[in-house]
């Protein structure tokens, strides 16, 4: 019984740690923005305004993400499979307009 209790405590600590990491990542996204992971192999996290989601070029990237991942994104949030440079160029253009 003592071993089982220790196992339950270890599992609870792990769940709390994962919840803490998840909550911290959500809290650093300002209201009106969304976090996305971008990259083909190495993925980098970006925070972009949700208004970008309506732009046709961004919707093309979302369509590619849907085709590749469906609703099962490997990073736990929206993952966009494109080169980081291409994403930065697109968001720079969207920011300028």
PDB file of N, CA and C in Angstrom:
ATOM      1  N   UNK A   1       0.824  -1.188   0.000  1.00  0.00           N
ATOM      2  CA  UNK A   1       0.000   0.000   0.000  1.00  0.00           C
ATOM      3  C   UNK A   1       0.872   1.257   0.000  1.00  0.00           C
ATOM      4  N   UNK A   2       1.990   1.243   0.726  1.00  0.00           N
ATOM      5  CA  UNK A   2       2.879   2.387   0.781  1.00  0.00           C
ATOM      6  C   UNK A   2       3.498   2.696  -0.571  1.00  0.00           C
ATOM      7  N   UNK A   3       3.862   1.662  -1.330  1.00  0.00           N
ATOM      8  CA  UNK A   3       4.449   1.848  -2.658  1.00  0.00           C
ATOM      9  C   UNK A   3       3.413   2.449  -3.604  1.00  0.00           C
ATOM     10  N   UNK A   4       2.195   1.971  -3.490  1.00  0.00           N
ATOM     11  CA  UNK A   4       1.114   2.486  -4.340  1.00  0.00           C
ATOM     12  C   UNK A   4       0.855   3.964  -4.049  1.00  0.00           C
ATOM     13  N   UNK A   5       0.903   4.347  -2.783  1.00  0.00           N
ATOM     14  CA  UNK A   5       0.691   5.735  -2.387  1.00  0.00           C
ATOM     15  C   UNK A   5       1.802   6.623  -2.946  1.00  0.00           C
ATOM     16  N   UNK A   6       3.047   6.150  -2.868  1.00  0.00           N
ATOM     17  CA  UNK A   6       4.165   6.908  -3.424  1.00  0.00           C
ATOM     18  C   UNK A   6       4.012   7.089  -4.934  1.00  0.00           C
ATOM     19  N   UNK A   7       3.539   6.057  -5.606  1.00  0.00           N
ATOM     20  CA  UNK A   7       3.309   6.139  -7.045  1.00  0.00           C
ATOM     21  C   UNK A   7       2.232   7.169  -7.372  1.00  0.00           C
ATOM     22  N   UNK A   8       1.171   7.196  -6.586  1.00  0.00           N
ATOM     23  CA  UNK A   8       0.092   8.166  -6.795  1.00  0.00           C
ATOM     24  C   UNK A   8       0.587   9.582  -6.554  1.00  0.00           C
ATOM     25  N   UNK A   9       1.424   9.769  -5.549  1.00  0.00           N
ATOM     26  CA  UNK A   9       1.981  11.098  -5.254  1.00  0.00           C
ATOM     27  C   UNK A   9       2.883  11.550  -6.391  1.00  0.00           C
ATOM     28  N   UNK A  10       3.704  10.644  -6.906  1.00  0.00           N
ATOM     29  CA  UNK A  10       4.594  10.984  -8.016  1.00  0.00           C
ATOM     30  C   UNK A  10       3.783  11.380  -9.246  1.00  0.00           C
ATOM     31  N   UNK A  11       2.716  10.649  -9.526  1.00  0.00           N
ATOM     32  CA  UNK A  11       1.855  10.979 -10.666  1.00  0.00           C
ATOM     33  C   UNK A  11       1.178  12.333 -10.472  1.00  0.00           C
ATOM     34  N   UNK A  12       0.726  12.611  -9.273  1.00  0.00           N
ATOM     35  CA  UNK A  12       0.075  13.890  -8.985  1.00  0.00           C
ATOM     36  C   UNK A  12       1.057  15.045  -9.164  1.00  0.00           C
ATOM     37  N   UNK A  13       2.298  14.865  -8.702  1.00  0.00           N
ATOM     38  CA  UNK A  13       3.313  15.913  -8.864  1.00  0.00           C
ATOM     39  C   UNK A  13       3.589  16.168 -10.347  1.00  0.00           C
ATOM     40  N   UNK A  14       3.648  15.098 -11.122  1.00  0.00           N
ATOM     41  CA  UNK A  14       3.898  15.245 -12.557  1.00  0.00           C
ATOM     42  C   UNK A  14       2.745  15.988 -13.234  1.00  0.00           C
ATOM     43  N   UNK A  15       1.518  15.672 -12.868  1.00  0.00           N
ATOM     44  CA  UNK A  15       0.359  16.360 -13.440  1.00  0.00           C
ATOM     45  C   UNK A  15       0.353  17.836 -13.074  1.00  0.00           C
ATOM     46  N   UNK A  16       0.689  18.148 -11.826  1.00  0.00           N
ATOM     47  CA  UNK A  16       0.749  19.542 -11.405  1.00  0.00           C
ATOM     48  C   UNK A  16       1.833  20.297 -12.160  1.00  0.00           C
ATOM     49  N   UNK A  17       2.969  19.655 -12.382  1.00  0.00           N
ATOM     50  CA  UNK A  17       4.053  20.291 -13.126  1.00  0.00           C
ATOM     51  C   UNK A  17       3.621  20.576 -14.560  1.00  0.00           C
ATOM     52  N   UNK A  18       2.990  19.606 -15.218  1.00  0.00           N
ATOM     53  CA  UNK A  18       2.514  19.805 -16.587  1.00  0.00           C
ATOM     54  C   UNK A  18       1.462  20.907 -16.648  1.00  0.00           C
ATOM     55  N   UNK A  19       0.554  20.941 -15.677  1.00  0.00           N
ATOM     56  CA  UNK A  19      -0.466  21.976 -15.630  1.00  0.00           C
ATOM     57  C   UNK A  19       0.174  23.349 -15.453  1.00  0.00           C
ATOM     58  N   UNK A  20       1.196  23.427 -14.617  1.00  0.00           N
ATOM     59  CA  UNK A  20       1.897  24.686 -14.386  1.00  0.00           C
ATOM     60  C   UNK A  20       2.553  25.188 -15.663  1.00  0.00           C
ATOM     61  N   UNK A  21       3.204  24.293 -16.413  1.00  0.00           N
ATOM     62  CA  UNK A  21       3.840  24.675 -17.674  1.00  0.00           C
ATOM     63  C   UNK A  21       2.788  25.138 -18.666  1.00  0.00           C
ATOM     64  N   UNK A  22       1.679  24.415 -18.764  1.00  0.00           N
ATOM     65  CA  UNK A  22       0.602  24.769 -19.694  1.00  0.00           C
ATOM     66  C   UNK A  22       0.002  26.125 -19.346  1.00  0.00           C
ATOM     67  N   UNK A  23      -0.256  26.374 -18.082  1.00  0.00           N
ATOM     68  CA  UNK A  23      -0.845  27.638 -17.648  1.00  0.00           C
ATOM     69  C   UNK A  23       0.115  28.798 -17.896  1.00  0.00           C
ATOM     70  N   UNK A  24       1.397  28.573 -17.614  1.00  0.00           N
ATOM     71  CA  UNK A  24       2.386  29.630 -17.832  1.00  0.00           C
ATOM     72  C   UNK A  24       2.441  29.995 -19.317  1.00  0.00           C
ATOM     73  N   UNK A  25       2.427  29.004 -20.209  1.00  0.00           N
ATOM     74  CA  UNK A  25       2.474  29.278 -21.641  1.00  0.00           C
ATOM     75  C   UNK A  25       1.235  30.024 -22.111  1.00  0.00           C
ATOM     76  N   UNK A  26       0.083  29.738 -21.538  1.00  0.00           N
ATOM     77  CA  UNK A  26      -1.138  30.438 -21.918  1.00  0.00           C
ATOM     78  C   UNK A  26      -1.122  31.874 -21.412  1.00  0.00           C
ATOM     79  N   UNK A  27      -0.563  32.109 -20.258  1.00  0.00           N
ATOM     80  CA  UNK A  27      -0.635  33.431 -19.650  1.00  0.00           C
ATOM     81  C   UNK A  27       0.274  34.439 -20.339  1.00  0.00           C
ATOM     82  N   UNK A  28       1.260  34.002 -21.109  1.00  0.00           N
ATOM     83  CA  UNK A  28       2.120  34.958 -21.779  1.00  0.00           C
ATOM     84  C   UNK A  28       1.618  35.315 -23.176  1.00  0.00           C
ATOM     85  N   UNK A  29       0.397  34.925 -23.486  1.00  0.00           N
ATOM     86  CA  UNK A  29      -0.231  35.303 -24.749  1.00  0.00           C
ATOM     87  C   UNK A  29      -1.231  36.414 -24.441  1.00  0.00           C
ATOM     88  N   UNK A  30      -0.974  37.631 -24.962  1.00  0.00           N
ATOM     89  CA  UNK A  30      -1.884  38.737 -24.668  1.00  0.00           C
ATOM     90  C   UNK A  30      -3.276  38.510 -25.262  1.00  0.00           C
ATOM     91  N   UNK A  31      -4.247  39.151 -24.680  1.00  0.00           N
ATOM     92  CA  UNK A  31      -5.608  39.068 -25.174  1.00  0.00           C
ATOM     93  C   UNK A  31      -5.624  39.541 -26.633  1.00  0.00           C
ATOM     94  N   UNK A  32      -6.357  38.811 -27.477  1.00  0.00           N
ATOM     95  CA  UNK A  32      -6.444  39.173 -28.887  1.00  0.00           C
ATOM     96  C   UNK A  32      -5.320  38.591 -29.728  1.00  0.00           C
ATOM     97  N   UNK A  33      -4.541  37.701 -29.146  1.00  0.00           N
ATOM     98  CA  UNK A  33      -3.433  37.068 -29.852  1.00  0.00           C
ATOM     99  C   UNK A  33      -3.533  35.552 -29.725  1.00  0.00           C
ATOM    100  N   UNK A  34      -2.749  34.864 -30.547  1.00  0.00           N
ATOM    101  CA  UNK A  34      -2.697  33.406 -30.500  1.00  0.00           C
ATOM    102  C   UNK A  34      -1.252  32.962 -30.651  1.00  0.00           C
ATOM    103  N   UNK A  35      -0.897  31.905 -29.941  1.00  0.00           N
ATOM    104  CA  UNK A  35       0.447  31.339 -30.067  1.00  0.00           C
ATOM    105  C   UNK A  35       0.418  30.255 -31.133  1.00  0.00           C
ATOM    106  N   UNK A  36       1.417  30.270 -32.004  1.00  0.00           N
ATOM    107  CA  UNK A  36       1.548  29.243 -33.035  1.00  0.00           C
ATOM    108  C   UNK A  36       2.999  28.772 -33.059  1.00  0.00           C
ATOM    109  N   UNK A  37       3.176  27.532 -33.441  1.00  0.00           N
ATOM    110  CA  UNK A  37       4.521  26.999 -33.664  1.00  0.00           C
ATOM    111  C   UNK A  37       4.734  26.913 -35.157  1.00  0.00           C
ATOM    112  N   UNK A  38       5.899  27.384 -35.615  1.00  0.00           N
ATOM    113  CA  UNK A  38       6.193  27.466 -37.034  1.00  0.00           C
ATOM    114  C   UNK A  38       7.511  26.771 -37.322  1.00  0.00           C
ATOM    115  N   UNK A  39       7.526  26.032 -38.416  1.00  0.00           N
ATOM    116  CA  UNK A  39       8.760  25.388 -38.862  1.00  0.00           C
ATOM    117  C   UNK A  39       8.471  24.029 -39.442  1.00  0.00           C
ATOM    118  N   UNK A  40       9.384  23.575 -40.284  1.00  0.00           N
ATOM    119  CA  UNK A  40       9.205  22.275 -40.910  1.00  0.00           C
ATOM    120  C   UNK A  40       9.800  21.160 -40.052  1.00  0.00           C
ATOM    121  N   UNK A  41      10.959  21.416 -39.458  1.00  0.00           N
ATOM    122  CA  UNK A  41      11.599  20.414 -38.599  1.00  0.00           C
ATOM    123  C   UNK A  41      11.742  20.976 -37.189  1.00  0.00           C
ATOM    124  N   UNK A  42      12.538  22.008 -37.048  1.00  0.00           N
ATOM    125  CA  UNK A  42      12.699  22.717 -35.774  1.00  0.00           C
ATOM    126  C   UNK A  42      11.577  23.743 -35.685  1.00  0.00           C
ATOM    127  N   UNK A  43      10.779  23.713 -34.644  1.00  0.00           N
ATOM    128  CA  UNK A  43       9.631  24.619 -34.551  1.00  0.00           C
ATOM    129  C   UNK A  43       9.895  25.716 -33.531  1.00  0.00           C
ATOM    130  N   UNK A  44       9.501  26.926 -33.919  1.00  0.00           N
ATOM    131  CA  UNK A  44       9.678  28.088 -33.045  1.00  0.00           C
ATOM    132  C   UNK A  44       8.297  28.673 -32.740  1.00  0.00           C
ATOM    133  N   UNK A  45       8.135  29.155 -31.536  1.00  0.00           N
ATOM    134  CA  UNK A  45       6.845  29.697 -31.091  1.00  0.00           C
ATOM    135  C   UNK A  45       6.756  31.184 -31.417  1.00  0.00           C
ATOM    136  N   UNK A  46       5.620  31.578 -32.014  1.00  0.00           N
ATOM    137  CA  UNK A  46       5.321  32.971 -32.311  1.00  0.00           C
ATOM    138  C   UNK A  46       3.967  33.320 -31.726  1.00  0.00           C
ATOM    139  N   UNK A  47       3.799  34.569 -31.342  1.00  0.00           N
ATOM    140  CA  UNK A  47       2.509  35.064 -30.866  1.00  0.00           C
ATOM    141  C   UNK A  47       2.063  36.120 -31.866  1.00  0.00           C
ATOM    142  N   UNK A  48       0.903  35.885 -32.485  1.00  0.00           N
ATOM    143  CA  UNK A  48       0.411  36.785 -33.533  1.00  0.00           C
ATOM    144  C   UNK A  48      -1.009  37.247 -33.199  1.00  0.00           C
ATOM    145  N   UNK A  49      -1.399  38.413 -33.713  1.00  0.00           N
ATOM    146  CA  UNK A  49      -2.782  38.876 -33.498  1.00  0.00           C
ATOM    147  C   UNK A  49      -3.787  37.949 -34.176  1.00  0.00           C
ATOM    148  N   UNK A  50      -4.925  37.745 -33.549  1.00  0.00           N
ATOM    149  CA  UNK A  50      -5.929  36.860 -34.151  1.00  0.00           C
ATOM    150  C   UNK A  50      -6.497  37.444 -35.439  1.00  0.00           C
ATOM    151  N   UNK A  51      -6.338  38.744 -35.651  1.00  0.00           N
ATOM    152  CA  UNK A  51      -6.832  39.352 -36.897  1.00  0.00           C
ATOM    153  C   UNK A  51      -6.118  38.765 -38.108  1.00  0.00           C
ATOM    154  N   UNK A  52      -4.906  38.238 -37.934  1.00  0.00           N
ATOM    155  CA  UNK A  52      -4.183  37.616 -39.046  1.00  0.00           C
ATOM    156  C   UNK A  52      -4.914  36.389 -39.573  1.00  0.00           C
ATOM    157  N   UNK A  53      -5.708  35.749 -38.723  1.00  0.00           N
ATOM    158  CA  UNK A  53      -6.403  34.525 -39.125  1.00  0.00           C
ATOM    159  C   UNK A  53      -7.374  34.750 -40.277  1.00  0.00           C
ATOM    160  N   UNK A  54      -7.846  35.978 -40.462  1.00  0.00           N
ATOM    161  CA  UNK A  54      -8.800  36.278 -41.540  1.00  0.00           C
ATOM    162  C   UNK A  54      -8.126  36.574 -42.870  1.00  0.00           C
ATOM    163  N   UNK A  55      -6.822  36.797 -42.882  1.00  0.00           N
ATOM    164  CA  UNK A  55      -6.123  37.152 -44.114  1.00  0.00           C
ATOM    165  C   UNK A  55      -5.970  35.914 -45.007  1.00  0.00           C
ATOM    166  N   UNK A  56      -6.234  36.041 -46.319  1.00  0.00           N
ATOM    167  CA  UNK A  56      -6.160  34.886 -47.224  1.00  0.00           C
ATOM    168  C   UNK A  56      -4.807  34.164 -47.206  1.00  0.00           C
ATOM    169  N   UNK A  57      -3.707  34.882 -47.104  1.00  0.00           N
ATOM    170  CA  UNK A  57      -2.392  34.232 -47.073  1.00  0.00           C
ATOM    171  C   UNK A  57      -2.221  33.402 -45.805  1.00  0.00           C
ATOM    172  N   UNK A  58      -2.714  33.918 -44.692  1.00  0.00           N
ATOM    173  CA  UNK A  58      -2.620  33.183 -43.440  1.00  0.00           C
ATOM    174  C   UNK A  58      -3.567  31.983 -43.475  1.00  0.00           C
ATOM    175  N   UNK A  59      -4.731  32.154 -44.096  1.00  0.00           N
ATOM    176  CA  UNK A  59      -5.677  31.049 -44.205  1.00  0.00           C
ATOM    177  C   UNK A  59      -5.101  29.908 -45.051  1.00  0.00           C
ATOM    178  N   UNK A  60      -4.268  30.265 -46.029  1.00  0.00           N
ATOM    179  CA  UNK A  60      -3.588  29.235 -46.821  1.00  0.00           C
ATOM    180  C   UNK A  60      -2.682  28.403 -45.912  1.00  0.00           C
ATOM    181  N   UNK A  61      -1.956  29.067 -45.019  1.00  0.00           N
ATOM    182  CA  UNK A  61      -1.092  28.344 -44.081  1.00  0.00           C
ATOM    183  C   UNK A  61      -1.925  27.462 -43.139  1.00  0.00           C
ATOM    184  N   UNK A  62      -3.074  27.973 -42.715  1.00  0.00           N
ATOM    185  CA  UNK A  62      -3.955  27.183 -41.850  1.00  0.00           C
ATOM    186  C   UNK A  62      -4.472  25.948 -42.577  1.00  0.00           C
ATOM    187  N   UNK A  63      -4.765  26.097 -43.861  1.00  0.00           N
ATOM    188  CA  UNK A  63      -5.233  24.967 -44.669  1.00  0.00           C
ATOM    189  C   UNK A  63      -4.134  23.903 -44.772  1.00  0.00           C
ATOM    190  N   UNK A  64      -2.890  24.354 -44.961  1.00  0.00           N
ATOM    191  CA  UNK A  64      -1.762  23.406 -45.009  1.00  0.00           C
ATOM    192  C   UNK A  64      -1.602  22.685 -43.674  1.00  0.00           C
ATOM    193  N   UNK A  65      -1.772  23.427 -42.586  1.00  0.00           N
ATOM    194  CA  UNK A  65      -1.674  22.818 -41.253  1.00  0.00           C
ATOM    195  C   UNK A  65      -2.769  21.775 -41.060  1.00  0.00           C
ATOM    196  N   UNK A  66      -3.964  22.091 -41.533  1.00  0.00           N
ATOM    197  CA  UNK A  66      -5.085  21.154 -41.419  1.00  0.00           C
ATOM    198  C   UNK A  66      -4.802  19.886 -42.222  1.00  0.00           C
ATOM    199  N   UNK A  67      -4.260  20.057 -43.426  1.00  0.00           N
ATOM    200  CA  UNK A  67      -3.973  18.900 -44.267  1.00  0.00           C
ATOM    201  C   UNK A  67      -2.889  18.012 -43.656  1.00  0.00           C
ATOM    202  N   UNK A  68      -1.902  18.636 -43.033  1.00  0.00           N
ATOM    203  CA  UNK A  68      -0.798  17.854 -42.479  1.00  0.00           C
ATOM    204  C   UNK A  68      -1.111  17.262 -41.121  1.00  0.00           C
ATOM    205  N   UNK A  69      -1.747  18.026 -40.239  1.00  0.00           N
ATOM    206  CA  UNK A  69      -1.934  17.584 -38.854  1.00  0.00           C
ATOM    207  C   UNK A  69      -3.380  17.285 -38.472  1.00  0.00           C
ATOM    208  N   UNK A  70      -4.345  17.797 -39.226  1.00  0.00           N
ATOM    209  CA  UNK A  70      -5.730  17.661 -38.804  1.00  0.00           C
ATOM    210  C   UNK A  70      -5.919  18.401 -37.488  1.00  0.00           C
ATOM    211  N   UNK A  71      -6.484  17.736 -36.510  1.00  0.00           N
ATOM    212  CA  UNK A  71      -6.662  18.356 -35.193  1.00  0.00           C
ATOM    213  C   UNK A  71      -5.650  17.835 -34.173  1.00  0.00           C
ATOM    214  N   UNK A  72      -4.672  17.080 -34.627  1.00  0.00           N
ATOM    215  CA  UNK A  72      -3.671  16.492 -33.742  1.00  0.00           C
ATOM    216  C   UNK A  72      -2.329  17.190 -33.959  1.00  0.00           C
ATOM    217  N   UNK A  73      -2.151  18.349 -33.360  1.00  0.00           N
ATOM    218  CA  UNK A  73      -0.931  19.128 -33.529  1.00  0.00           C
ATOM    219  C   UNK A  73       0.128  18.648 -32.542  1.00  0.00           C
ATOM    220  N   UNK A  74       1.332  18.372 -33.044  1.00  0.00           N
ATOM    221  CA  UNK A  74       2.370  17.760 -32.208  1.00  0.00           C
ATOM    222  C   UNK A  74       2.859  18.633 -31.055  1.00  0.00           C
ATOM    223  N   UNK A  75       2.749  19.942 -31.167  1.00  0.00           N
ATOM    224  CA  UNK A  75       3.249  20.822 -30.117  1.00  0.00           C
ATOM    225  C   UNK A  75       2.178  21.152 -29.079  1.00  0.00           C
ATOM    226  N   UNK A  76       0.980  20.639 -29.264  1.00  0.00           N
ATOM    227  CA  UNK A  76      -0.085  20.899 -28.307  1.00  0.00           C
ATOM    228  C   UNK A  76      -0.883  22.151 -28.624  1.00  0.00           C
ATOM    229  N   UNK A  77      -0.461  22.903 -29.596  1.00  0.00           N
ATOM    230  CA  UNK A  77      -1.234  24.046 -30.068  1.00  0.00           C
ATOM    231  C   UNK A  77      -1.016  24.152 -31.570  1.00  0.00           C
ATOM    232  N   UNK A  78      -1.576  25.155 -32.179  1.00  0.00           N
ATOM    233  CA  UNK A  78      -1.526  25.302 -33.624  1.00  0.00           C
ATOM    234  C   UNK A  78      -0.089  25.256 -34.133  1.00  0.00           C
ATOM    235  N   UNK A  79       0.180  24.335 -35.046  1.00  0.00           N
ATOM    236  CA  UNK A  79       1.503  24.173 -35.642  1.00  0.00           C
ATOM    237  C   UNK A  79       1.378  24.413 -37.138  1.00  0.00           C
ATOM    238  N   UNK A  80       2.188  25.332 -37.656  1.00  0.00           N
ATOM    239  CA  UNK A  80       2.127  25.689 -39.068  1.00  0.00           C
ATOM    240  C   UNK A  80       3.385  25.156 -39.758  1.00  0.00           C
ATOM    241  N   UNK A  81       3.192  24.251 -40.729  1.00  0.00           N
ATOM    242  CA  UNK A  81       4.340  23.627 -41.389  1.00  0.00           C
ATOM    243  C   UNK A  81       4.868  24.459 -42.563  1.00  0.00           C
ATOM    244  N   UNK A  82       5.609  25.503 -42.259  1.00  0.00           N
ATOM    245  CA  UNK A  82       6.246  26.291 -43.309  1.00  0.00           C
ATOM    246  C   UNK A  82       7.581  26.781 -42.796  1.00  0.00           C
ATOM    247  N   UNK A  83       8.397  27.290 -43.689  1.00  0.00           N
ATOM    248  CA  UNK A  83       9.701  27.798 -43.267  1.00  0.00           C
ATOM    249  C   UNK A  83       9.512  29.033 -42.403  1.00  0.00           C
ATOM    250  N   UNK A  84      10.352  29.137 -41.394  1.00  0.00           N
ATOM    251  CA  UNK A  84      10.267  30.255 -40.456  1.00  0.00           C
ATOM    252  C   UNK A  84      10.426  31.601 -41.175  1.00  0.00           C
ATOM    253  N   UNK A  85      11.348  31.677 -42.130  1.00  0.00           N
ATOM    254  CA  UNK A  85      11.567  32.920 -42.880  1.00  0.00           C
ATOM    255  C   UNK A  85      10.318  33.344 -43.646  1.00  0.00           C
ATOM    256  N   UNK A  86       9.639  32.381 -44.259  1.00  0.00           N
ATOM    257  CA  UNK A  86       8.416  32.680 -45.013  1.00  0.00           C
ATOM    258  C   UNK A  86       7.331  33.205 -44.072  1.00  0.00           C
ATOM    259  N   UNK A  87       7.222  32.611 -42.890  1.00  0.00           N
ATOM    260  CA  UNK A  87       6.228  33.057 -41.915  1.00  0.00           C
ATOM    261  C   UNK A  87       6.534  34.470 -41.435  1.00  0.00           C
ATOM    262  N   UNK A  88       7.807  34.744 -41.169  1.00  0.00           N
ATOM    263  CA  UNK A  88       8.197  36.082 -40.714  1.00  0.00           C
ATOM    264  C   UNK A  88       7.907  37.112 -41.800  1.00  0.00           C
ATOM    265  N   UNK A  89       8.197  36.770 -43.061  1.00  0.00           N
ATOM    266  CA  UNK A  89       7.893  37.702 -44.170  1.00  0.00           C
ATOM    267  C   UNK A  89       6.397  37.974 -44.246  1.00  0.00           C
ATOM    268  N   UNK A  90       5.589  36.919 -44.142  1.00  0.00           N
ATOM    269  CA  UNK A  90       4.137  37.101 -44.209  1.00  0.00           C
ATOM    270  C   UNK A  90       3.629  37.968 -43.062  1.00  0.00           C
ATOM    271  N   UNK A  91       4.046  37.679 -41.857  1.00  0.00           N
ATOM    272  CA  UNK A  91       3.543  38.454 -40.709  1.00  0.00           C
ATOM    273  C   UNK A  91       4.049  39.897 -40.758  1.00  0.00           C
ATOM    274  N   UNK A  92       5.230  40.097 -41.308  1.00  0.00           N
ATOM    275  CA  UNK A  92       5.738  41.477 -41.469  1.00  0.00           C
ATOM    276  C   UNK A  92       4.872  42.245 -42.447  1.00  0.00           C
ATOM    277  N   UNK A  93       4.476  41.597 -43.534  1.00  0.00           N
ATOM    278  CA  UNK A  93       3.592  42.243 -44.511  1.00  0.00           C
ATOM    279  C   UNK A  93       2.227  42.535 -43.906  1.00  0.00           C
ATOM    280  N   UNK A  94       1.707  41.591 -43.135  1.00  0.00           N
ATOM    281  CA  UNK A  94       0.398  41.778 -42.513  1.00  0.00           C
ATOM    282  C   UNK A  94       0.460  42.895 -41.471  1.00  0.00           C
ATOM    283  N   UNK A  95       1.555  42.996 -40.760  1.00  0.00           N
ATOM    284  CA  UNK A  95       1.716  44.032 -39.753  1.00  0.00           C
ATOM    285  C   UNK A  95       1.789  45.423 -40.393  1.00  0.00           C
ATOM    286  N   UNK A  96       2.442  45.494 -41.557  1.00  0.00           N
ATOM    287  CA  UNK A  96       2.609  46.768 -42.252  1.00  0.00           C
ATOM    288  C   UNK A  96       1.308  47.280 -42.842  1.00  0.00           C
ATOM    289  N   UNK A  97       0.394  46.350 -43.155  1.00  0.00           N
ATOM    290  CA  UNK A  97      -0.867  46.797 -43.794  1.00  0.00           C
ATOM    291  C   UNK A  97      -1.954  47.119 -42.801  1.00  0.00           C
TER     292      UNK A  97
END
